[in-house]
């Protein structure tokens, strides 16, 4: 115990920069002393160790480095879990561009003949197959495909002509 009391302040000073906190360094030094002395009494242990002070410093250093590494790993894990903050200027620009494209698409759909618009809606919005559209509209599967394709081509051309694509 005499060894511990004589070197305690120096050991705390040694561990503090490694762990970054004086209170934590005190815990490290205390834990190091417990490890140093756990195999038996201080007197019998120090007789077996040639340089007990050096050995105690090594224990302090190893424990302090373990804590430091663990803190770094926890900080990295926390940073990895944090969501990225979106760039609001870019997102606002994309949202505005998206709204413009959506308006242009609505205009293009409004220009379509009613049957083409209805078939397009059934296929693209409701997810019906060409066969299902054919049955519902009294068309062949091929004709349903042709109407959807014509509607899609019209929308694409309107968007490209309007400079939105």
C-alpha atoms as a PDB file:
ATOM      1  CA  UNK A   1       0.000   0.000   0.000  1.00  0.00           C
ATOM      2  CA  UNK A   2       2.955   2.252   0.658  1.00  0.00           C
ATOM      3  CA  UNK A   3       4.009   1.961  -3.002  1.00  0.00           C
ATOM      4  CA  UNK A   4       0.518   2.972  -4.130  1.00  0.00           C
ATOM      5  CA  UNK A   5       0.317   5.977  -1.825  1.00  0.00           C
ATOM      6  CA  UNK A   6       3.786   7.209  -2.795  1.00  0.00           C
ATOM      7  CA  UNK A   7       3.104   7.074  -6.553  1.00  0.00           C
ATOM      8  CA  UNK A   8      -0.661   7.642  -6.753  1.00  0.00           C
ATOM      9  CA  UNK A   9      -0.523  11.335  -7.770  1.00  0.00           C
ATOM     10  CA  UNK A  10       2.182  10.686 -10.375  1.00  0.00           C
ATOM     11  CA  UNK A  11       0.250   7.740 -11.794  1.00  0.00           C
ATOM     12  CA  UNK A  12      -2.901   9.874 -12.061  1.00  0.00           C
ATOM     13  CA  UNK A  13      -0.910  12.595 -13.816  1.00  0.00           C
ATOM     14  CA  UNK A  14       0.471   9.916 -16.158  1.00  0.00           C
ATOM     15  CA  UNK A  15      -2.966   8.472 -17.014  1.00  0.00           C
ATOM     16  CA  UNK A  16      -4.886  11.759 -17.348  1.00  0.00           C
ATOM     17  CA  UNK A  17      -3.641  12.754 -20.829  1.00  0.00           C
ATOM     18  CA  UNK A  18      -4.248   9.239 -22.118  1.00  0.00           C
ATOM     19  CA  UNK A  19      -7.876   9.001 -20.987  1.00  0.00           C
ATOM     20  CA  UNK A  20      -8.597  12.731 -21.231  1.00  0.00           C
ATOM     21  CA  UNK A  21     -10.248  13.047 -17.823  1.00  0.00           C
ATOM     22  CA  UNK A  22      -8.705  13.309 -14.348  1.00  0.00           C
ATOM     23  CA  UNK A  23     -11.545  11.510 -12.562  1.00  0.00           C
ATOM     24  CA  UNK A  24     -11.323   8.663 -15.054  1.00  0.00           C
ATOM     25  CA  UNK A  25      -7.547   8.595 -14.591  1.00  0.00           C
ATOM     26  CA  UNK A  26      -8.089   8.171 -10.837  1.00  0.00           C
ATOM     27  CA  UNK A  27     -10.330   5.183 -11.550  1.00  0.00           C
ATOM     28  CA  UNK A  28      -7.671   3.730 -13.850  1.00  0.00           C
ATOM     29  CA  UNK A  29      -4.970   4.071 -11.177  1.00  0.00           C
ATOM     30  CA  UNK A  30      -7.179   2.459  -8.561  1.00  0.00           C
ATOM     31  CA  UNK A  31      -8.047  -0.392 -10.912  1.00  0.00           C
ATOM     32  CA  UNK A  32      -4.362  -0.799 -11.754  1.00  0.00           C
ATOM     33  CA  UNK A  33      -3.515  -1.054  -8.057  1.00  0.00           C
ATOM     34  CA  UNK A  34      -6.204  -3.704  -7.566  1.00  0.00           C
ATOM     35  CA  UNK A  35      -4.798  -5.717 -10.446  1.00  0.00           C
ATOM     36  CA  UNK A  36      -1.278  -5.256  -9.149  1.00  0.00           C
ATOM     37  CA  UNK A  37      -2.173  -6.456  -5.707  1.00  0.00           C
ATOM     38  CA  UNK A  38      -4.835  -9.107  -6.465  1.00  0.00           C
ATOM     39  CA  UNK A  39      -2.413 -12.023  -6.620  1.00  0.00           C
ATOM     40  CA  UNK A  40      -1.605 -11.628  -2.949  1.00  0.00           C
ATOM     41  CA  UNK A  41      -0.414  -9.061  -0.486  1.00  0.00           C
ATOM     42  CA  UNK A  42       1.625  -6.136  -1.721  1.00  0.00           C
ATOM     43  CA  UNK A  43       4.741  -7.297   0.093  1.00  0.00           C
ATOM     44  CA  UNK A  44       4.800 -10.820  -1.368  1.00  0.00           C
ATOM     45  CA  UNK A  45       4.004  -9.506  -4.869  1.00  0.00           C
ATOM     46  CA  UNK A  46       6.699  -6.835  -4.833  1.00  0.00           C
ATOM     47  CA  UNK A  47       9.303  -9.378  -3.835  1.00  0.00           C
ATOM     48  CA  UNK A  48       8.535 -11.333  -7.037  1.00  0.00           C
ATOM     49  CA  UNK A  49       8.533  -8.243  -9.292  1.00  0.00           C
ATOM     50  CA  UNK A  50      11.920  -6.699  -9.959  1.00  0.00           C
ATOM     51  CA  UNK A  51      10.625  -3.209 -10.720  1.00  0.00           C
ATOM     52  CA  UNK A  52       7.214  -2.851  -9.033  1.00  0.00           C
ATOM     53  CA  UNK A  53       6.867   0.863  -9.844  1.00  0.00           C
ATOM     54  CA  UNK A  54       7.590   0.251 -13.518  1.00  0.00           C
ATOM     55  CA  UNK A  55       5.165  -2.664 -13.512  1.00  0.00           C
ATOM     56  CA  UNK A  56       2.469  -0.490 -11.928  1.00  0.00           C
ATOM     57  CA  UNK A  57       3.059   2.216 -14.562  1.00  0.00           C
ATOM     58  CA  UNK A  58       2.719  -0.417 -17.288  1.00  0.00           C
ATOM     59  CA  UNK A  59      -0.614  -1.604 -15.858  1.00  0.00           C
ATOM     60  CA  UNK A  60      -1.849   2.008 -15.669  1.00  0.00           C
ATOM     61  CA  UNK A  61      -0.743   2.662 -19.235  1.00  0.00           C
ATOM     62  CA  UNK A  62      -2.414  -0.481 -20.599  1.00  0.00           C
ATOM     63  CA  UNK A  63      -5.692   0.193 -18.789  1.00  0.00           C
ATOM     64  CA  UNK A  64      -5.673   3.846 -19.855  1.00  0.00           C
ATOM     65  CA  UNK A  65      -5.020   2.912 -23.488  1.00  0.00           C
ATOM     66  CA  UNK A  66      -7.829   0.342 -23.388  1.00  0.00           C
ATOM     67  CA  UNK A  67     -10.238   2.997 -22.123  1.00  0.00           C
ATOM     68  CA  UNK A  68      -9.011   5.514 -24.683  1.00  0.00           C
ATOM     69  CA  UNK A  69      -9.462   3.036 -27.542  1.00  0.00           C
ATOM     70  CA  UNK A  70     -12.921   2.101 -26.302  1.00  0.00           C
ATOM     71  CA  UNK A  71     -13.928   5.789 -26.148  1.00  0.00           C
ATOM     72  CA  UNK A  72     -12.674   6.338 -29.697  1.00  0.00           C
ATOM     73  CA  UNK A  73     -14.546   3.279 -30.938  1.00  0.00           C
ATOM     74  CA  UNK A  74     -17.743   4.422 -29.213  1.00  0.00           C
ATOM     75  CA  UNK A  75     -17.397   7.907 -30.708  1.00  0.00           C
ATOM     76  CA  UNK A  76     -16.893   6.450 -34.179  1.00  0.00           C
ATOM     77  CA  UNK A  77     -19.895   4.183 -33.712  1.00  0.00           C
ATOM     78  CA  UNK A  78     -21.993   7.160 -32.598  1.00  0.00           C
ATOM     79  CA  UNK A  79     -20.877   9.195 -35.610  1.00  0.00           C
ATOM     80  CA  UNK A  80     -21.708   6.310 -37.919  1.00  0.00           C
ATOM     81  CA  UNK A  81     -25.231   6.188 -36.496  1.00  0.00           C
ATOM     82  CA  UNK A  82     -25.920   9.875 -36.924  1.00  0.00           C
ATOM     83  CA  UNK A  83     -27.955  10.577 -40.022  1.00  0.00           C
ATOM     84  CA  UNK A  84     -26.427  12.904 -42.541  1.00  0.00           C
ATOM     85  CA  UNK A  85     -27.900  16.361 -42.547  1.00  0.00           C
ATOM     86  CA  UNK A  86     -29.390  16.957 -45.957  1.00  0.00           C
ATOM     87  CA  UNK A  87     -28.251  19.928 -47.962  1.00  0.00           C
ATOM     88  CA  UNK A  88     -31.449  21.941 -47.841  1.00  0.00           C
ATOM     89  CA  UNK A  89     -30.515  24.124 -50.802  1.00  0.00           C
ATOM     90  CA  UNK A  90     -30.009  21.074 -53.024  1.00  0.00           C
ATOM     91  CA  UNK A  91     -33.147  19.382 -51.704  1.00  0.00           C
ATOM     92  CA  UNK A  92     -35.197  22.537 -52.238  1.00  0.00           C
ATOM     93  CA  UNK A  93     -33.887  22.800 -55.800  1.00  0.00           C
ATOM     94  CA  UNK A  94     -34.692  19.163 -56.479  1.00  0.00           C
ATOM     95  CA  UNK A  95     -38.152  19.547 -54.965  1.00  0.00           C
ATOM     96  CA  UNK A  96     -38.843  22.571 -57.166  1.00  0.00           C
ATOM     97  CA  UNK A  97     -37.570  20.728 -60.239  1.00  0.00           C
ATOM     98  CA  UNK A  98     -39.731  17.734 -59.320  1.00  0.00           C
ATOM     99  CA  UNK A  99     -42.814  19.923 -58.941  1.00  0.00           C
ATOM    100  CA  UNK A 100     -42.189  21.445 -62.356  1.00  0.00           C
ATOM    101  CA  UNK A 101     -41.846  18.017 -63.953  1.00  0.00           C
ATOM    102  CA  UNK A 102     -45.008  16.834 -62.227  1.00  0.00           C
ATOM    103  CA  UNK A 103     -46.937  19.868 -63.506  1.00  0.00           C
ATOM    104  CA  UNK A 104     -45.659  19.197 -67.035  1.00  0.00           C
ATOM    105  CA  UNK A 105     -46.669  15.526 -66.739  1.00  0.00           C
ATOM    106  CA  UNK A 106     -50.181  16.507 -65.625  1.00  0.00           C
ATOM    107  CA  UNK A 107     -50.452  18.851 -68.605  1.00  0.00           C
ATOM    108  CA  UNK A 108     -49.271  16.087 -70.962  1.00  0.00           C
ATOM    109  CA  UNK A 109     -51.796  13.619 -69.513  1.00  0.00           C
ATOM    110  CA  UNK A 110     -54.568  16.194 -69.856  1.00  0.00           C
ATOM    111  CA  UNK A 111     -53.762  16.495 -73.578  1.00  0.00           C
ATOM    112  CA  UNK A 112     -54.315  12.755 -74.168  1.00  0.00           C
ATOM    113  CA  UNK A 113     -57.574  11.384 -75.551  1.00  0.00           C
ATOM    114  CA  UNK A 114     -59.734  10.069 -72.708  1.00  0.00           C
ATOM    115  CA  UNK A 115     -59.316   6.382 -73.573  1.00  0.00           C
ATOM    116  CA  UNK A 116     -55.504   6.664 -73.766  1.00  0.00           C
ATOM    117  CA  UNK A 117     -55.392   8.529 -70.468  1.00  0.00           C
ATOM    118  CA  UNK A 118     -57.642   5.946 -68.800  1.00  0.00           C
ATOM    119  CA  UNK A 119     -55.621   2.974 -70.111  1.00  0.00           C
ATOM    120  CA  UNK A 120     -52.376   4.668 -69.076  1.00  0.00           C
ATOM    121  CA  UNK A 121     -53.780   5.287 -65.587  1.00  0.00           C
ATOM    122  CA  UNK A 122     -54.958   1.680 -65.261  1.00  0.00           C
ATOM    123  CA  UNK A 123     -51.557   0.331 -66.216  1.00  0.00           C
ATOM    124  CA  UNK A 124     -49.146   2.801 -64.563  1.00  0.00           C
ATOM    125  CA  UNK A 125     -51.122   3.922 -61.526  1.00  0.00           C
ATOM    126  CA  UNK A 126     -53.301   0.921 -60.722  1.00  0.00           C
ATOM    127  CA  UNK A 127     -50.817  -1.727 -61.838  1.00  0.00           C
ATOM    128  CA  UNK A 128     -53.174  -3.647 -64.110  1.00  0.00           C
ATOM    129  CA  UNK A 129     -51.760  -5.928 -66.795  1.00  0.00           C
ATOM    130  CA  UNK A 130     -52.505  -5.384 -70.473  1.00  0.00           C
ATOM    131  CA  UNK A 131     -54.787  -8.425 -70.391  1.00  0.00           C
ATOM    132  CA  UNK A 132     -56.757  -7.012 -67.436  1.00  0.00           C
ATOM    133  CA  UNK A 133     -57.023  -3.632 -69.154  1.00  0.00           C
ATOM    134  CA  UNK A 134     -58.207  -5.337 -72.329  1.00  0.00           C
ATOM    135  CA  UNK A 135     -61.002  -7.142 -70.471  1.00  0.00           C
ATOM    136  CA  UNK A 136     -62.043  -4.000 -68.558  1.00  0.00           C
ATOM    137  CA  UNK A 137     -62.040  -1.772 -71.649  1.00  0.00           C
ATOM    138  CA  UNK A 138     -63.196  -4.287 -74.270  1.00  0.00           C
ATOM    139  CA  UNK A 139     -59.839  -4.168 -76.082  1.00  0.00           C
ATOM    140  CA  UNK A 140     -57.323  -6.729 -77.167  1.00  0.00           C
ATOM    141  CA  UNK A 141     -54.193  -7.090 -75.060  1.00  0.00           C
ATOM    142  CA  UNK A 142     -52.161  -5.752 -77.993  1.00  0.00           C
ATOM    143  CA  UNK A 143     -54.371  -2.679 -78.369  1.00  0.00           C
ATOM    144  CA  UNK A 144     -54.116  -1.950 -74.617  1.00  0.00           C
ATOM    145  CA  UNK A 145     -50.309  -2.119 -74.930  1.00  0.00           C
ATOM    146  CA  UNK A 146     -50.341   0.225 -77.935  1.00  0.00           C
ATOM    147  CA  UNK A 147     -52.484   2.798 -76.104  1.00  0.00           C
ATOM    148  CA  UNK A 148     -50.239   2.736 -73.015  1.00  0.00           C
ATOM    149  CA  UNK A 149     -47.160   3.065 -75.189  1.00  0.00           C
ATOM    150  CA  UNK A 150     -48.655   5.977 -77.167  1.00  0.00           C
ATOM    151  CA  UNK A 151     -49.575   7.759 -73.914  1.00  0.00           C
ATOM    152  CA  UNK A 152     -46.094   7.207 -72.529  1.00  0.00           C
ATOM    153  CA  UNK A 153     -44.438   8.483 -75.716  1.00  0.00           C
ATOM    154  CA  UNK A 154     -46.638  11.579 -75.680  1.00  0.00           C
ATOM    155  CA  UNK A 155     -45.722  12.328 -72.054  1.00  0.00           C
ATOM    156  CA  UNK A 156     -42.007  11.830 -72.722  1.00  0.00           C
ATOM    157  CA  UNK A 157     -42.077  14.071 -75.800  1.00  0.00           C
ATOM    158  CA  UNK A 158     -43.980  16.781 -73.945  1.00  0.00           C
ATOM    159  CA  UNK A 159     -41.498  16.704 -71.076  1.00  0.00           C
ATOM    160  CA  UNK A 160     -38.505  16.788 -73.434  1.00  0.00           C
ATOM    161  CA  UNK A 161     -39.972  19.581 -75.567  1.00  0.00           C
ATOM    162  CA  UNK A 162     -40.681  21.615 -72.433  1.00  0.00           C
ATOM    163  CA  UNK A 163     -37.007  21.332 -71.441  1.00  0.00           C
ATOM    164  CA  UNK A 164     -37.813  19.418 -68.277  1.00  0.00           C
ATOM    165  CA  UNK A 165     -35.783  16.283 -69.045  1.00  0.00           C
END
